[in-house]
Amino acid sequence: MAMQIEVITPGALGRAEAVLCRGFPNRPPGFWTGVLRALEAYRAARGAGPIGTLLVDQGEDVGVLLTLDSPAGAGGRRKLNLSSWFVDQRARFWAPLMLRAAVAADELVTDLSPSREVEAVNERLGVTARVRGSMIVPTLFDSFRPSGARLSRDLADDDGELLRDHLAMGMLCATLITSDGQRQPLIFLRTRLRGLPGARLIYCDSLSLARRQRGAIARFLFAQGLLFLEIEANRTATWPGALYAARRCRVFAKGELPADAIDHSYTELTFLHQHAARAA
């Protein structure tokens, strides 16, 4: 039997878990079981695409790539997030085939945590670097900025499913409500920088609105004990008063990213974080 790429079916979750455990041995016991079950449950409930592929050489599983398919969000297009790519050393020559097959679809493809080795393969196949850092906004200082908006943790019907799903995955979710009644769902991933607690913005329909109302966002986060707001950005796009951390956030993509939005909903930042937090 020649080298093949197989879709991870419900019956192949155990096979995928075995390769993931081999490729990422630092994850705690049961981590990949939980991730794969959560992805399969999501796929079945939402009619999403396959959760990933296996590279098979003469009947032996030698590689795995998770493909997190999610519905149209802030950018208006379905997106495919690549994650947890591993190929045994003896089969590395065939590794690009897995990525090439995954990015063949005409949709937005993202990779949010590539290794240096994977970055090079990404670039060759058209998944190019779009963001290579993040701005760090101290919430204490920003909390003094004027803003007539407020953040609510009540889940409105319009955004309830999105926010409820991510609340269940351990994200910090809120709705930004402006004085004229505009509503903007926000999703934050709790993170740390030099031991200090903060939050990374991973879903926002309008970054320009968030910038205008950054005082309200800062007051909300500071009240949660979070000392900084992290937003992926290149150095030239850093807000006034923010610090810059090169390579802390990296976004590789094929296709057009939304110009004034961030949408990492239903990606490795949420599914994998959910189970990492439980295992901690």
C-alpha atoms as a PDB file:
ATOM      1  CA  MET A   1       0.000   0.000   0.000  1.00  0.00           C
ATOM      2  CA  ALA A   2       1.460   3.384  -1.020  1.00  0.00           C
ATOM      3  CA  MET A   3       1.522   6.556   1.062  1.00  0.00           C
ATOM      4  CA  GLN A   4      -2.053   7.786   1.620  1.00  0.00           C
ATOM      5  CA  ILE A   5      -3.885  10.649   3.283  1.00  0.00           C
ATOM      6  CA  GLU A   6      -6.996   9.560   5.178  1.00  0.00           C
ATOM      7  CA  VAL A   7      -9.728  11.653   6.789  1.00  0.00           C
ATOM      8  CA  ILE A   8     -10.019  11.212  10.558  1.00  0.00           C
ATOM      9  CA  THR A   9     -13.397   9.522  10.940  1.00  0.00           C
ATOM     10  CA  PRO A  10     -15.158   8.872  14.268  1.00  0.00           C
ATOM     11  CA  GLY A  11     -13.755   5.357  14.171  1.00  0.00           C
ATOM     12  CA  ALA A  12     -10.196   6.643  13.704  1.00  0.00           C
ATOM     13  CA  LEU A  13     -10.017   8.918  16.761  1.00  0.00           C
ATOM     14  CA  GLY A  14      -7.870   6.389  18.614  1.00  0.00           C
ATOM     15  CA  ARG A  15      -5.429   6.221  15.716  1.00  0.00           C
ATOM     16  CA  ALA A  16      -5.162  10.000  15.597  1.00  0.00           C
ATOM     17  CA  GLU A  17      -4.661  10.167  19.354  1.00  0.00           C
ATOM     18  CA  ALA A  18      -1.767   7.701  19.183  1.00  0.00           C
ATOM     19  CA  VAL A  19       0.109   9.834  16.629  1.00  0.00           C
ATOM     20  CA  LEU A  20      -0.631  13.069  18.527  1.00  0.00           C
ATOM     21  CA  CYS A  21       0.659  11.556  21.777  1.00  0.00           C
ATOM     22  CA  ARG A  22       3.826  10.510  19.962  1.00  0.00           C
ATOM     23  CA  GLY A  23       4.271  13.911  18.385  1.00  0.00           C
ATOM     24  CA  PHE A  24       3.423  16.033  21.422  1.00  0.00           C
ATOM     25  CA  PRO A  25       4.590  13.986  24.432  1.00  0.00           C
ATOM     26  CA  ASN A  26       4.497  16.947  26.839  1.00  0.00           C
ATOM     27  CA  ARG A  27       0.718  17.024  26.856  1.00  0.00           C
ATOM     28  CA  PRO A  28      -0.809  15.367  29.952  1.00  0.00           C
ATOM     29  CA  PRO A  29      -2.542  11.968  29.784  1.00  0.00           C
ATOM     30  CA  GLY A  30      -6.039  12.211  28.339  1.00  0.00           C
ATOM     31  CA  PHE A  31      -5.455  15.614  26.734  1.00  0.00           C
ATOM     32  CA  TRP A  32      -5.746  14.473  23.131  1.00  0.00           C
ATOM     33  CA  THR A  33      -8.672  12.198  23.939  1.00  0.00           C
ATOM     34  CA  GLY A  34     -10.602  15.210  25.208  1.00  0.00           C
ATOM     35  CA  VAL A  35      -9.606  17.429  22.272  1.00  0.00           C
ATOM     36  CA  LEU A  36     -10.547  14.868  19.623  1.00  0.00           C
ATOM     37  CA  ARG A  37     -13.875  14.043  21.258  1.00  0.00           C
ATOM     38  CA  ALA A  38     -14.731  17.736  21.529  1.00  0.00           C
ATOM     39  CA  LEU A  39     -13.836  18.329  17.880  1.00  0.00           C
ATOM     40  CA  GLU A  40     -15.871  15.339  16.723  1.00  0.00           C
ATOM     41  CA  ALA A  41     -18.885  16.434  18.801  1.00  0.00           C
ATOM     42  CA  TYR A  42     -18.624  19.926  17.326  1.00  0.00           C
ATOM     43  CA  ARG A  43     -18.300  18.547  13.782  1.00  0.00           C
ATOM     44  CA  ALA A  44     -21.376  16.352  14.196  1.00  0.00           C
ATOM     45  CA  ALA A  45     -23.480  19.104  15.788  1.00  0.00           C
ATOM     46  CA  ARG A  46     -22.572  21.848  13.301  1.00  0.00           C
ATOM     47  CA  GLY A  47     -22.079  19.894  10.096  1.00  0.00           C
ATOM     48  CA  ALA A  48     -18.442  21.009   9.954  1.00  0.00           C
ATOM     49  CA  GLY A  49     -15.823  19.370   7.769  1.00  0.00           C
ATOM     50  CA  PRO A  50     -13.475  16.573   8.864  1.00  0.00           C
ATOM     51  CA  ILE A  51     -11.515  17.281  12.025  1.00  0.00           C
ATOM     52  CA  GLY A  52      -8.242  16.322  10.379  1.00  0.00           C
ATOM     53  CA  THR A  53      -6.242  13.857   8.352  1.00  0.00           C
ATOM     54  CA  LEU A  54      -3.837  10.975   8.912  1.00  0.00           C
ATOM     55  CA  LEU A  55      -0.778  10.205   6.813  1.00  0.00           C
ATOM     56  CA  VAL A  56      -0.583   6.440   6.332  1.00  0.00           C
ATOM     57  CA  ASP A  57       2.453   4.558   5.022  1.00  0.00           C
ATOM     58  CA  GLN A  58       1.931   0.887   4.159  1.00  0.00           C
ATOM     59  CA  GLY A  59      -0.887   0.634   6.659  1.00  0.00           C
ATOM     60  CA  GLU A  60       0.961   2.440   9.467  1.00  0.00           C
ATOM     61  CA  ASP A  61      -0.091   5.880  10.735  1.00  0.00           C
ATOM     62  CA  VAL A  62       2.940   8.160  10.431  1.00  0.00           C
ATOM     63  CA  GLY A  63       1.420  11.666  10.520  1.00  0.00           C
ATOM     64  CA  VAL A  64      -1.524  13.747  11.678  1.00  0.00           C
ATOM     65  CA  LEU A  65      -2.912  17.223  10.978  1.00  0.00           C
ATOM     66  CA  LEU A  66      -5.967  18.694  12.692  1.00  0.00           C
ATOM     67  CA  THR A  67      -8.187  20.870  10.481  1.00  0.00           C
ATOM     68  CA  LEU A  68     -10.601  22.924  12.573  1.00  0.00           C
ATOM     69  CA  ASP A  69     -13.442  23.910  10.269  1.00  0.00           C
ATOM     70  CA  SER A  70     -15.670  26.722  11.508  1.00  0.00           C
ATOM     71  CA  PRO A  71     -18.593  28.759  10.161  1.00  0.00           C
ATOM     72  CA  ALA A  72     -18.418  32.201   8.636  1.00  0.00           C
ATOM     73  CA  GLY A  73     -17.671  34.783  11.297  1.00  0.00           C
ATOM     74  CA  ALA A  74     -16.236  38.280  11.436  1.00  0.00           C
ATOM     75  CA  GLY A  75     -14.770  38.092   7.931  1.00  0.00           C
ATOM     76  CA  GLY A  76     -17.874  36.592   6.321  1.00  0.00           C
ATOM     77  CA  ARG A  77     -16.064  33.461   5.100  1.00  0.00           C
ATOM     78  CA  ARG A  78     -15.734  29.947   6.456  1.00  0.00           C
ATOM     79  CA  LYS A  79     -12.279  29.353   7.833  1.00  0.00           C
ATOM     80  CA  LEU A  80     -10.033  26.359   8.314  1.00  0.00           C
ATOM     81  CA  ASN A  81      -7.534  26.470  11.152  1.00  0.00           C
ATOM     82  CA  LEU A  82      -4.558  24.119  10.878  1.00  0.00           C
ATOM     83  CA  SER A  83      -3.218  22.729  14.128  1.00  0.00           C
ATOM     84  CA  SER A  84      -1.119  20.020  15.758  1.00  0.00           C
ATOM     85  CA  TRP A  85       0.765  18.891  12.657  1.00  0.00           C
ATOM     86  CA  PHE A  86       3.204  16.065  13.215  1.00  0.00           C
ATOM     87  CA  VAL A  87       4.895  13.576  10.891  1.00  0.00           C
ATOM     88  CA  ASP A  88       7.342  10.851  11.926  1.00  0.00           C
ATOM     89  CA  GLN A  89      10.916  11.572  10.918  1.00  0.00           C
ATOM     90  CA  ARG A  90      11.070   8.744   8.397  1.00  0.00           C
ATOM     91  CA  ALA A  91       8.050  10.162   6.519  1.00  0.00           C
ATOM     92  CA  ARG A  92       8.963  13.882   6.581  1.00  0.00           C
ATOM     93  CA  PHE A  93       9.492  13.897   2.818  1.00  0.00           C
ATOM     94  CA  TRP A  94       5.742  13.387   2.404  1.00  0.00           C
ATOM     95  CA  ALA A  95       4.687  15.913   5.038  1.00  0.00           C
ATOM     96  CA  PRO A  96       3.951  18.799   2.596  1.00  0.00           C
ATOM     97  CA  LEU A  97       1.350  16.585   0.903  1.00  0.00           C
ATOM     98  CA  MET A  98      -0.821  16.824   4.009  1.00  0.00           C
ATOM     99  CA  LEU A  99      -0.628  20.600   4.081  1.00  0.00           C
ATOM    100  CA  ARG A 100      -1.130  20.923   0.328  1.00  0.00           C
ATOM    101  CA  ALA A 101      -4.298  18.833   0.542  1.00  0.00           C
ATOM    102  CA  ALA A 102      -5.601  20.887   3.460  1.00  0.00           C
ATOM    103  CA  VAL A 103      -5.081  24.290   1.829  1.00  0.00           C
ATOM    104  CA  ALA A 104      -6.463  23.273  -1.564  1.00  0.00           C
ATOM    105  CA  ALA A 105      -9.991  24.398  -0.648  1.00  0.00           C
ATOM    106  CA  ASP A 106     -11.063  27.918  -1.622  1.00  0.00           C
ATOM    107  CA  GLU A 107     -11.516  29.247   1.890  1.00  0.00           C
ATOM    108  CA  LEU A 108      -9.628  31.170   4.520  1.00  0.00           C
ATOM    109  CA  VAL A 109      -6.907  28.975   6.027  1.00  0.00           C
ATOM    110  CA  THR A 110      -5.050  29.992   9.185  1.00  0.00           C
ATOM    111  CA  ASP A 111      -2.184  28.633  11.260  1.00  0.00           C
ATOM    112  CA  LEU A 112      -1.804  30.336  14.631  1.00  0.00           C
ATOM    113  CA  SER A 113       1.116  28.460  16.189  1.00  0.00           C
ATOM    114  CA  PRO A 114       3.508  27.130  13.544  1.00  0.00           C
ATOM    115  CA  SER A 115       6.983  26.006  14.508  1.00  0.00           C
ATOM    116  CA  ARG A 116       9.917  27.561  12.642  1.00  0.00           C
ATOM    117  CA  GLU A 117      10.095  24.433  10.484  1.00  0.00           C
ATOM    118  CA  VAL A 118       6.384  24.570   9.692  1.00  0.00           C
ATOM    119  CA  GLU A 119       6.581  28.308   8.926  1.00  0.00           C
ATOM    120  CA  ALA A 120       8.922  27.548   6.036  1.00  0.00           C
ATOM    121  CA  VAL A 121       6.598  24.887   4.611  1.00  0.00           C
ATOM    122  CA  ASN A 122       3.612  27.216   5.050  1.00  0.00           C
ATOM    123  CA  GLU A 123       5.284  29.955   3.049  1.00  0.00           C
ATOM    124  CA  ARG A 124       6.115  27.599   0.177  1.00  0.00           C
ATOM    125  CA  LEU A 125       2.476  26.515  -0.066  1.00  0.00           C
ATOM    126  CA  GLY A 126       0.925  29.972   0.130  1.00  0.00           C
ATOM    127  CA  VAL A 127       0.099  30.150   3.844  1.00  0.00           C
ATOM    128  CA  THR A 128       2.007  33.351   4.454  1.00  0.00           C
ATOM    129  CA  ALA A 129       2.900  35.386   7.539  1.00  0.00           C
ATOM    130  CA  ARG A 130       0.404  38.184   8.144  1.00  0.00           C
ATOM    131  CA  VAL A 131       1.058  39.071  11.797  1.00  0.00           C
ATOM    132  CA  ARG A 132       4.298  38.527  13.692  1.00  0.00           C
ATOM    133  CA  GLY A 133       3.712  40.116  17.071  1.00  0.00           C
ATOM    134  CA  SER A 134       1.251  41.705  19.430  1.00  0.00           C
ATOM    135  CA  MET A 135       0.571  44.980  21.165  1.00  0.00           C
ATOM    136  CA  ILE A 136       0.336  44.935  24.921  1.00  0.00           C
ATOM    137  CA  VAL A 137      -2.087  47.473  26.394  1.00  0.00           C
ATOM    138  CA  PRO A 138      -1.754  48.007  30.197  1.00  0.00           C
ATOM    139  CA  THR A 139      -5.320  47.966  31.507  1.00  0.00           C
ATOM    140  CA  LEU A 140      -4.613  50.143  34.543  1.00  0.00           C
ATOM    141  CA  PHE A 141      -3.436  53.057  32.427  1.00  0.00           C
ATOM    142  CA  ASP A 142      -6.091  52.553  29.745  1.00  0.00           C
ATOM    143  CA  SER A 143      -8.861  52.399  32.327  1.00  0.00           C
ATOM    144  CA  PHE A 144      -8.574  56.187  32.740  1.00  0.00           C
ATOM    145  CA  ARG A 145      -9.433  56.795  29.084  1.00  0.00           C
ATOM    146  CA  PRO A 146     -12.934  58.253  28.622  1.00  0.00           C
ATOM    147  CA  SER A 147     -15.569  55.983  27.114  1.00  0.00           C
ATOM    148  CA  GLY A 148     -19.353  56.018  27.290  1.00  0.00           C
ATOM    149  CA  ALA A 149     -19.531  52.301  26.521  1.00  0.00           C
ATOM    150  CA  ARG A 150     -19.821  49.393  28.926  1.00  0.00           C
ATOM    151  CA  LEU A 151     -19.186  45.662  28.778  1.00  0.00           C
ATOM    152  CA  SER A 152     -21.867  43.177  29.777  1.00  0.00           C
ATOM    153  CA  ARG A 153     -21.482  39.461  30.445  1.00  0.00           C
ATOM    154  CA  ASP A 154     -25.170  38.873  29.713  1.00  0.00           C
ATOM    155  CA  LEU A 155     -25.493  36.876  26.483  1.00  0.00           C
ATOM    156  CA  ALA A 156     -27.840  38.454  23.947  1.00  0.00           C
ATOM    157  CA  ASP A 157     -29.799  36.241  21.552  1.00  0.00           C
ATOM    158  CA  ASP A 158     -27.958  37.517  18.462  1.00  0.00           C
ATOM    159  CA  ASP A 159     -24.543  36.428  19.719  1.00  0.00           C
ATOM    160  CA  GLY A 160     -25.626  33.918  22.346  1.00  0.00           C
ATOM    161  CA  GLU A 161     -24.506  30.734  20.587  1.00  0.00           C
ATOM    162  CA  LEU A 162     -21.057  32.086  19.756  1.00  0.00           C
ATOM    163  CA  LEU A 163     -20.464  33.404  23.259  1.00  0.00           C
ATOM    164  CA  ARG A 164     -22.030  30.428  25.058  1.00  0.00           C
ATOM    165  CA  ASP A 165     -19.832  28.002  23.110  1.00  0.00           C
ATOM    166  CA  HIS A 166     -16.695  29.892  24.022  1.00  0.00           C
ATOM    167  CA  LEU A 167     -17.719  30.486  27.604  1.00  0.00           C
ATOM    168  CA  ALA A 168     -17.992  26.700  27.912  1.00  0.00           C
ATOM    169  CA  MET A 169     -14.442  26.422  26.557  1.00  0.00           C
ATOM    170  CA  GLY A 170     -13.102  28.675  29.302  1.00  0.00           C
ATOM    171  CA  MET A 171     -12.942  31.915  27.372  1.00  0.00           C
ATOM    172  CA  LEU A 172     -13.849  35.296  28.893  1.00  0.00           C
ATOM    173  CA  CYS A 173     -16.837  36.542  26.898  1.00  0.00           C
ATOM    174  CA  ALA A 174     -18.637  39.880  26.962  1.00  0.00           C
ATOM    175  CA  THR A 175     -20.638  42.274  24.818  1.00  0.00           C
ATOM    176  CA  LEU A 176     -19.422  45.826  24.292  1.00  0.00           C
ATOM    177  CA  ILE A 177     -22.442  48.151  24.365  1.00  0.00           C
ATOM    178  CA  THR A 178     -21.949  51.736  23.222  1.00  0.00           C
ATOM    179  CA  SER A 179     -23.970  54.752  24.342  1.00  0.00           C
ATOM    180  CA  ASP A 180     -25.872  54.729  21.021  1.00  0.00           C
ATOM    181  CA  GLY A 181     -26.806  51.046  21.355  1.00  0.00           C
ATOM    182  CA  GLN A 182     -24.187  49.356  19.171  1.00  0.00           C
ATOM    183  CA  ARG A 183     -23.366  45.841  20.358  1.00  0.00           C
ATOM    184  CA  GLN A 184     -20.042  44.120  19.751  1.00  0.00           C
ATOM    185  CA  PRO A 185     -19.356  40.565  20.988  1.00  0.00           C
ATOM    186  CA  LEU A 186     -15.848  40.133  22.367  1.00  0.00           C
ATOM    187  CA  ILE A 187     -14.011  36.934  23.244  1.00  0.00           C
ATOM    188  CA  PHE A 188     -10.804  36.931  25.278  1.00  0.00           C
ATOM    189  CA  LEU A 189      -8.313  34.157  25.966  1.00  0.00           C
ATOM    190  CA  ARG A 190      -6.725  34.443  29.400  1.00  0.00           C
ATOM    191  CA  THR A 191      -2.949  34.528  29.090  1.00  0.00           C
ATOM    192  CA  ARG A 192       0.178  35.567  30.961  1.00  0.00           C
ATOM    193  CA  LEU A 193       3.216  37.721  30.281  1.00  0.00           C
ATOM    194  CA  ARG A 194       6.203  37.460  32.625  1.00  0.00           C
ATOM    195  CA  GLY A 195       3.906  35.887  35.167  1.00  0.00           C
ATOM    196  CA  LEU A 196       1.315  38.660  35.015  1.00  0.00           C
ATOM    197  CA  PRO A 197      -2.298  37.798  34.109  1.00  0.00           C
ATOM    198  CA  GLY A 198      -3.855  39.305  31.023  1.00  0.00           C
ATOM    199  CA  ALA A 199      -6.248  38.617  28.168  1.00  0.00           C
ATOM    200  CA  ARG A 200      -5.715  38.159  24.440  1.00  0.00           C
ATOM    201  CA  LEU A 201      -8.516  39.415  22.199  1.00  0.00           C
ATOM    202  CA  ILE A 202      -9.449  36.533  19.879  1.00  0.00           C
ATOM    203  CA  TYR A 203     -12.829  37.689  18.526  1.00  0.00           C
ATOM    204  CA  CYS A 204     -13.890  41.231  17.622  1.00  0.00           C
ATOM    205  CA  ASP A 205     -16.012  42.338  14.652  1.00  0.00           C
ATOM    206  CA  SER A 206     -14.615  45.884  14.666  1.00  0.00           C
ATOM    207  CA  LEU A 207     -11.142  46.714  15.925  1.00  0.00           C
ATOM    208  CA  SER A 208     -11.747  50.375  15.146  1.00  0.00           C
ATOM    209  CA  LEU A 209     -14.708  50.364  17.549  1.00  0.00           C
ATOM    210  CA  ALA A 210     -12.642  48.544  20.175  1.00  0.00           C
ATOM    211  CA  ARG A 211      -9.926  51.165  19.827  1.00  0.00           C
ATOM    212  CA  ARG A 212     -12.408  54.017  20.323  1.00  0.00           C
ATOM    213  CA  GLN A 213     -13.829  52.282  23.404  1.00  0.00           C
ATOM    214  CA  ARG A 214     -10.563  50.940  24.782  1.00  0.00           C
ATOM    215  CA  GLY A 215     -11.155  52.661  28.118  1.00  0.00           C
ATOM    216  CA  ALA A 216     -14.328  50.636  28.736  1.00  0.00           C
ATOM    217  CA  ILE A 217     -12.587  47.397  27.726  1.00  0.00           C
ATOM    218  CA  ALA A 218      -9.656  48.151  30.016  1.00  0.00           C
ATOM    219  CA  ARG A 219     -11.921  48.865  32.996  1.00  0.00           C
ATOM    220  CA  PHE A 220     -13.755  45.580  32.422  1.00  0.00           C
ATOM    221  CA  LEU A 221     -10.551  43.544  32.211  1.00  0.00           C
ATOM    222  CA  PHE A 222      -8.896  45.287  35.161  1.00  0.00           C
ATOM    223  CA  ALA A 223     -11.970  44.497  37.273  1.00  0.00           C
ATOM    224  CA  GLN A 224     -11.362  40.814  36.417  1.00  0.00           C
ATOM    225  CA  GLY A 225      -7.800  41.087  37.740  1.00  0.00           C
ATOM    226  CA  LEU A 226      -6.292  41.151  34.240  1.00  0.00           C
ATOM    227  CA  LEU A 227      -3.410  43.594  33.924  1.00  0.00           C
ATOM    228  CA  PHE A 228      -3.023  43.825  30.172  1.00  0.00           C
ATOM    229  CA  LEU A 229      -4.936  43.462  26.931  1.00  0.00           C
ATOM    230  CA  GLU A 230      -3.070  41.680  24.145  1.00  0.00           C
ATOM    231  CA  ILE A 231      -4.053  42.201  20.511  1.00  0.00           C
ATOM    232  CA  GLU A 232      -2.236  40.609  17.592  1.00  0.00           C
ATOM    233  CA  ALA A 233      -0.655  43.298  15.423  1.00  0.00           C
ATOM    234  CA  ASN A 234       2.383  44.210  13.412  1.00  0.00           C
ATOM    235  CA  ARG A 235       4.543  46.961  14.857  1.00  0.00           C
ATOM    236  CA  THR A 236       3.221  49.635  12.486  1.00  0.00           C
ATOM    237  CA  ALA A 237      -0.372  48.989  13.623  1.00  0.00           C
ATOM    238  CA  THR A 238       0.308  49.332  17.358  1.00  0.00           C
ATOM    239  CA  TRP A 239      -2.061  51.675  19.206  1.00  0.00           C
ATOM    240  CA  PRO A 240      -0.641  54.774  20.904  1.00  0.00           C
ATOM    241  CA  GLY A 241       0.356  53.961  24.469  1.00  0.00           C
ATOM    242  CA  ALA A 242       0.742  50.243  23.810  1.00  0.00           C
ATOM    243  CA  LEU A 243       3.925  48.192  24.053  1.00  0.00           C
ATOM    244  CA  TYR A 244       5.002  45.807  21.312  1.00  0.00           C
ATOM    245  CA  ALA A 245       6.029  42.158  21.686  1.00  0.00           C
ATOM    246  CA  ALA A 246       7.600  40.692  18.554  1.00  0.00           C
ATOM    247  CA  ARG A 247       6.600  37.113  17.615  1.00  0.00           C
ATOM    248  CA  ARG A 248       4.404  36.677  20.680  1.00  0.00           C
ATOM    249  CA  CYS A 249       1.364  36.254  18.413  1.00  0.00           C
ATOM    250  CA  ARG A 250       1.815  34.824  14.936  1.00  0.00           C
ATOM    251  CA  VAL A 251      -0.844  34.521  12.271  1.00  0.00           C
ATOM    252  CA  PHE A 252      -0.166  32.707   9.013  1.00  0.00           C
ATOM    253  CA  ALA A 253      -2.968  32.638   6.457  1.00  0.00           C
ATOM    254  CA  LYS A 254      -4.032  31.772   2.938  1.00  0.00           C
ATOM    255  CA  GLY A 255      -6.844  34.005   1.706  1.00  0.00           C
ATOM    256  CA  GLU A 256      -7.972  37.426   2.843  1.00  0.00           C
ATOM    257  CA  LEU A 257      -8.086  38.094   6.564  1.00  0.00           C
ATOM    258  CA  PRO A 258     -10.769  40.583   7.661  1.00  0.00           C
ATOM    259  CA  ALA A 259      -9.282  44.070   7.517  1.00  0.00           C
ATOM    260  CA  ASP A 260     -10.820  45.446  10.728  1.00  0.00           C
ATOM    261  CA  ALA A 261     -11.602  42.326  12.736  1.00  0.00           C
ATOM    262  CA  ILE A 262     -10.106  39.376  14.583  1.00  0.00           C
ATOM    263  CA  ASP A 263     -11.828  36.013  14.400  1.00  0.00           C
ATOM    264  CA  HIS A 264     -10.129  33.042  16.030  1.00  0.00           C
ATOM    265  CA  SER A 265     -13.381  31.521  17.246  1.00  0.00           C
ATOM    266  CA  TYR A 266     -13.529  27.716  17.075  1.00  0.00           C
ATOM    267  CA  THR A 267      -9.778  27.366  16.556  1.00  0.00           C
ATOM    268  CA  GLU A 268      -6.868  25.764  18.371  1.00  0.00           C
ATOM    269  CA  LEU A 269      -6.835  28.801  20.705  1.00  0.00           C
ATOM    270  CA  THR A 270     -10.199  27.699  22.060  1.00  0.00           C
ATOM    271  CA  PHE A 271     -10.452  23.907  21.674  1.00  0.00           C
ATOM    272  CA  LEU A 272      -6.918  23.143  22.816  1.00  0.00           C
ATOM    273  CA  HIS A 273      -6.955  25.771  25.575  1.00  0.00           C
ATOM    274  CA  GLN A 274     -10.146  24.276  26.978  1.00  0.00           C
ATOM    275  CA  HIS A 275      -8.479  20.914  27.628  1.00  0.00           C
ATOM    276  CA  ALA A 276      -5.107  22.361  28.629  1.00  0.00           C
ATOM    277  CA  ALA A 277      -6.848  24.355  31.368  1.00  0.00           C
ATOM    278  CA  ARG A 278      -8.695  21.271  32.611  1.00  0.00           C
ATOM    279  CA  ALA A 279      -5.494  19.272  32.760  1.00  0.00           C
ATOM    280  CA  ALA A 280      -3.603  22.008  34.633  1.00  0.00           C
END
